[in-house]
Amino acid sequence: MRTMERTPSTKTDKSFILNLGGPDGNAYMLMGITKRFVTQLGGDADKVIAEMMSDTYEHLLKVMCREVGQFIYFTDVPEQYIDTLEEAVDAYGKPIEFEYE
């Protein structure tokens, strides 16, 4: 199985940098990244993906943050999703880091 690795930014110590405003931000890419992380962590990836698919894109982001947000540095976050990520930080108490456009 392939492990999730990307070169960390000098701005963060997170192991995975995700450009939410670019092609990495599409729902299928986010579900694929989440699935790989959850599987590597020994979780039930199918259950998590089903939950991600059960509602809006904002819900998908919140589930991703809850499950694996502590490992990801979100870059180029579109303005309409800043509140969603801030709500996830407050709700899950995990060190979710992001920068916006």
C-alpha atoms as a PDB file:
ATOM      1  CA  MET A   1       0.000   0.000   0.000  1.00  0.00           C
ATOM      2  CA  ARG A   2       1.213   3.456  -0.886  1.00  0.00           C
ATOM      3  CA  THR A   3       1.752   5.822   2.035  1.00  0.00           C
ATOM      4  CA  MET A   4       0.612   9.437   1.958  1.00  0.00           C
ATOM      5  CA  GLU A   5       3.610  11.709   1.684  1.00  0.00           C
ATOM      6  CA  ARG A   6       4.214  15.200   0.430  1.00  0.00           C
ATOM      7  CA  THR A   7       7.001  17.575   1.202  1.00  0.00           C
ATOM      8  CA  PRO A   8       6.097  19.683   4.243  1.00  0.00           C
ATOM      9  CA  SER A   9       5.867  23.430   3.806  1.00  0.00           C
ATOM     10  CA  THR A  10       8.212  25.671   5.727  1.00  0.00           C
ATOM     11  CA  LYS A  11       5.029  27.205   7.201  1.00  0.00           C
ATOM     12  CA  THR A  12       3.932  24.000   8.931  1.00  0.00           C
ATOM     13  CA  ASP A  13       5.097  20.694  10.323  1.00  0.00           C
ATOM     14  CA  LYS A  14       2.121  18.862   8.774  1.00  0.00           C
ATOM     15  CA  SER A  15       3.049  15.895   6.617  1.00  0.00           C
ATOM     16  CA  PHE A  16       0.547  16.520   3.817  1.00  0.00           C
ATOM     17  CA  ILE A  17      -0.075  19.783   1.974  1.00  0.00           C
ATOM     18  CA  LEU A  18      -3.438  20.021   0.192  1.00  0.00           C
ATOM     19  CA  ASN A  19      -4.311  22.837  -2.208  1.00  0.00           C
ATOM     20  CA  LEU A  20      -8.043  23.079  -1.553  1.00  0.00           C
ATOM     21  CA  GLY A  21      -8.497  25.794  -4.187  1.00  0.00           C
ATOM     22  CA  GLY A  22      -6.896  23.682  -6.919  1.00  0.00           C
ATOM     23  CA  PRO A  23      -7.455  20.223  -8.367  1.00  0.00           C
ATOM     24  CA  ASP A  24      -6.738  18.590  -4.982  1.00  0.00           C
ATOM     25  CA  GLY A  25      -9.909  20.229  -3.682  1.00  0.00           C
ATOM     26  CA  ASN A  26     -12.373  18.227  -5.731  1.00  0.00           C
ATOM     27  CA  ALA A  27     -14.635  15.943  -3.688  1.00  0.00           C
ATOM     28  CA  TYR A  28     -13.312  12.704  -5.196  1.00  0.00           C
ATOM     29  CA  MET A  29      -9.719  13.663  -4.465  1.00  0.00           C
ATOM     30  CA  LEU A  30     -10.605  14.583  -0.873  1.00  0.00           C
ATOM     31  CA  MET A  31     -12.388  11.265  -0.369  1.00  0.00           C
ATOM     32  CA  GLY A  32      -9.427   9.360  -1.836  1.00  0.00           C
ATOM     33  CA  ILE A  33      -6.945  11.135   0.428  1.00  0.00           C
ATOM     34  CA  THR A  34      -9.164  10.583   3.462  1.00  0.00           C
ATOM     35  CA  LYS A  35      -9.652   6.918   2.600  1.00  0.00           C
ATOM     36  CA  ARG A  36      -5.899   6.314   2.381  1.00  0.00           C
ATOM     37  CA  PHE A  37      -5.208   8.061   5.673  1.00  0.00           C
ATOM     38  CA  VAL A  38      -8.055   6.307   7.512  1.00  0.00           C
ATOM     39  CA  THR A  39      -6.960   2.922   6.139  1.00  0.00           C
ATOM     40  CA  GLN A  40      -3.367   3.534   7.233  1.00  0.00           C
ATOM     41  CA  LEU A  41      -4.639   4.487  10.682  1.00  0.00           C
ATOM     42  CA  GLY A  42      -6.633   1.246  10.915  1.00  0.00           C
ATOM     43  CA  GLY A  43     -10.058   2.877  10.713  1.00  0.00           C
ATOM     44  CA  ASP A  44     -13.189   1.943   8.797  1.00  0.00           C
ATOM     45  CA  ALA A  45     -12.591   3.862   5.570  1.00  0.00           C
ATOM     46  CA  ASP A  46     -15.819   2.704   3.907  1.00  0.00           C
ATOM     47  CA  LYS A  47     -17.889   4.064   6.787  1.00  0.00           C
ATOM     48  CA  VAL A  48     -16.055   7.406   6.697  1.00  0.00           C
ATOM     49  CA  ILE A  49     -16.451   7.727   2.913  1.00  0.00           C
ATOM     50  CA  ALA A  50     -20.164   6.908   3.158  1.00  0.00           C
ATOM     51  CA  GLU A  51     -20.543   9.674   5.730  1.00  0.00           C
ATOM     52  CA  MET A  52     -18.593  12.110   3.541  1.00  0.00           C
ATOM     53  CA  MET A  53     -20.929  11.354   0.627  1.00  0.00           C
ATOM     54  CA  SER A  54     -24.105  11.722   2.688  1.00  0.00           C
ATOM     55  CA  ASP A  55     -24.406  15.508   2.493  1.00  0.00           C
ATOM     56  CA  THR A  56     -22.875  18.688   1.055  1.00  0.00           C
ATOM     57  CA  TYR A  57     -19.287  19.530   0.150  1.00  0.00           C
ATOM     58  CA  GLU A  58     -19.044  21.472   3.420  1.00  0.00           C
ATOM     59  CA  HIS A  59     -20.067  18.334   5.326  1.00  0.00           C
ATOM     60  CA  LEU A  60     -17.455  16.362   3.400  1.00  0.00           C
ATOM     61  CA  LEU A  61     -14.795  18.869   4.510  1.00  0.00           C
ATOM     62  CA  LYS A  62     -15.908  18.667   8.139  1.00  0.00           C
ATOM     63  CA  VAL A  63     -15.762  14.868   8.141  1.00  0.00           C
ATOM     64  CA  MET A  64     -12.309  14.982   6.541  1.00  0.00           C
ATOM     65  CA  CYS A  65     -11.133  17.434   9.205  1.00  0.00           C
ATOM     66  CA  ARG A  66     -12.575  15.298  11.990  1.00  0.00           C
ATOM     67  CA  GLU A  67     -10.922  12.132  10.730  1.00  0.00           C
ATOM     68  CA  VAL A  68      -7.559  13.260   9.337  1.00  0.00           C
ATOM     69  CA  GLY A  69      -7.372  17.064   9.547  1.00  0.00           C
ATOM     70  CA  GLN A  70      -4.572  16.964  12.072  1.00  0.00           C
ATOM     71  CA  PHE A  71      -2.237  15.571   9.373  1.00  0.00           C
ATOM     72  CA  ILE A  72      -3.104  18.040   6.607  1.00  0.00           C
ATOM     73  CA  TYR A  73      -2.164  21.643   5.879  1.00  0.00           C
ATOM     74  CA  PHE A  74      -4.899  23.139   3.690  1.00  0.00           C
ATOM     75  CA  THR A  75      -3.668  25.857   1.309  1.00  0.00           C
ATOM     76  CA  ASP A  76      -5.502  28.255  -0.995  1.00  0.00           C
ATOM     77  CA  VAL A  77      -8.802  27.704   0.791  1.00  0.00           C
ATOM     78  CA  PRO A  78     -11.596  29.402  -1.177  1.00  0.00           C
ATOM     79  CA  GLU A  79     -13.343  32.109   0.818  1.00  0.00           C
ATOM     80  CA  GLN A  80     -16.656  30.242   0.969  1.00  0.00           C
ATOM     81  CA  TYR A  81     -15.023  27.368   2.911  1.00  0.00           C
ATOM     82  CA  ILE A  82     -13.095  29.343   5.533  1.00  0.00           C
ATOM     83  CA  ASP A  83     -16.028  29.274   7.969  1.00  0.00           C
ATOM     84  CA  THR A  84     -16.408  25.518   7.422  1.00  0.00           C
ATOM     85  CA  LEU A  85     -12.788  24.876   8.399  1.00  0.00           C
ATOM     86  CA  GLU A  86     -13.001  27.249  11.359  1.00  0.00           C
ATOM     87  CA  GLU A  87     -16.123  25.406  12.565  1.00  0.00           C
ATOM     88  CA  ALA A  88     -14.237  22.108  12.259  1.00  0.00           C
ATOM     89  CA  VAL A  89     -11.382  23.478  14.372  1.00  0.00           C
ATOM     90  CA  ASP A  90     -13.851  24.537  17.059  1.00  0.00           C
ATOM     91  CA  ALA A  91     -15.909  21.343  16.909  1.00  0.00           C
ATOM     92  CA  TYR A  92     -13.133  18.761  16.893  1.00  0.00           C
ATOM     93  CA  GLY A  93     -10.410  20.506  18.856  1.00  0.00           C
ATOM     94  CA  LYS A  94      -7.767  19.186  16.479  1.00  0.00           C
ATOM     95  CA  PRO A  95      -4.834  21.238  15.231  1.00  0.00           C
ATOM     96  CA  ILE A  96      -6.255  21.902  11.762  1.00  0.00           C
ATOM     97  CA  GLU A  97      -4.138  24.430   9.867  1.00  0.00           C
ATOM     98  CA  PHE A  98      -5.086  26.347   6.748  1.00  0.00           C
ATOM     99  CA  GLU A  99      -4.381  29.458   4.733  1.00  0.00           C
ATOM    100  CA  TYR A 100      -6.785  31.141   2.395  1.00  0.00           C
ATOM    101  CA  GLU A 101      -6.540  32.929  -0.926  1.00  0.00           C
END
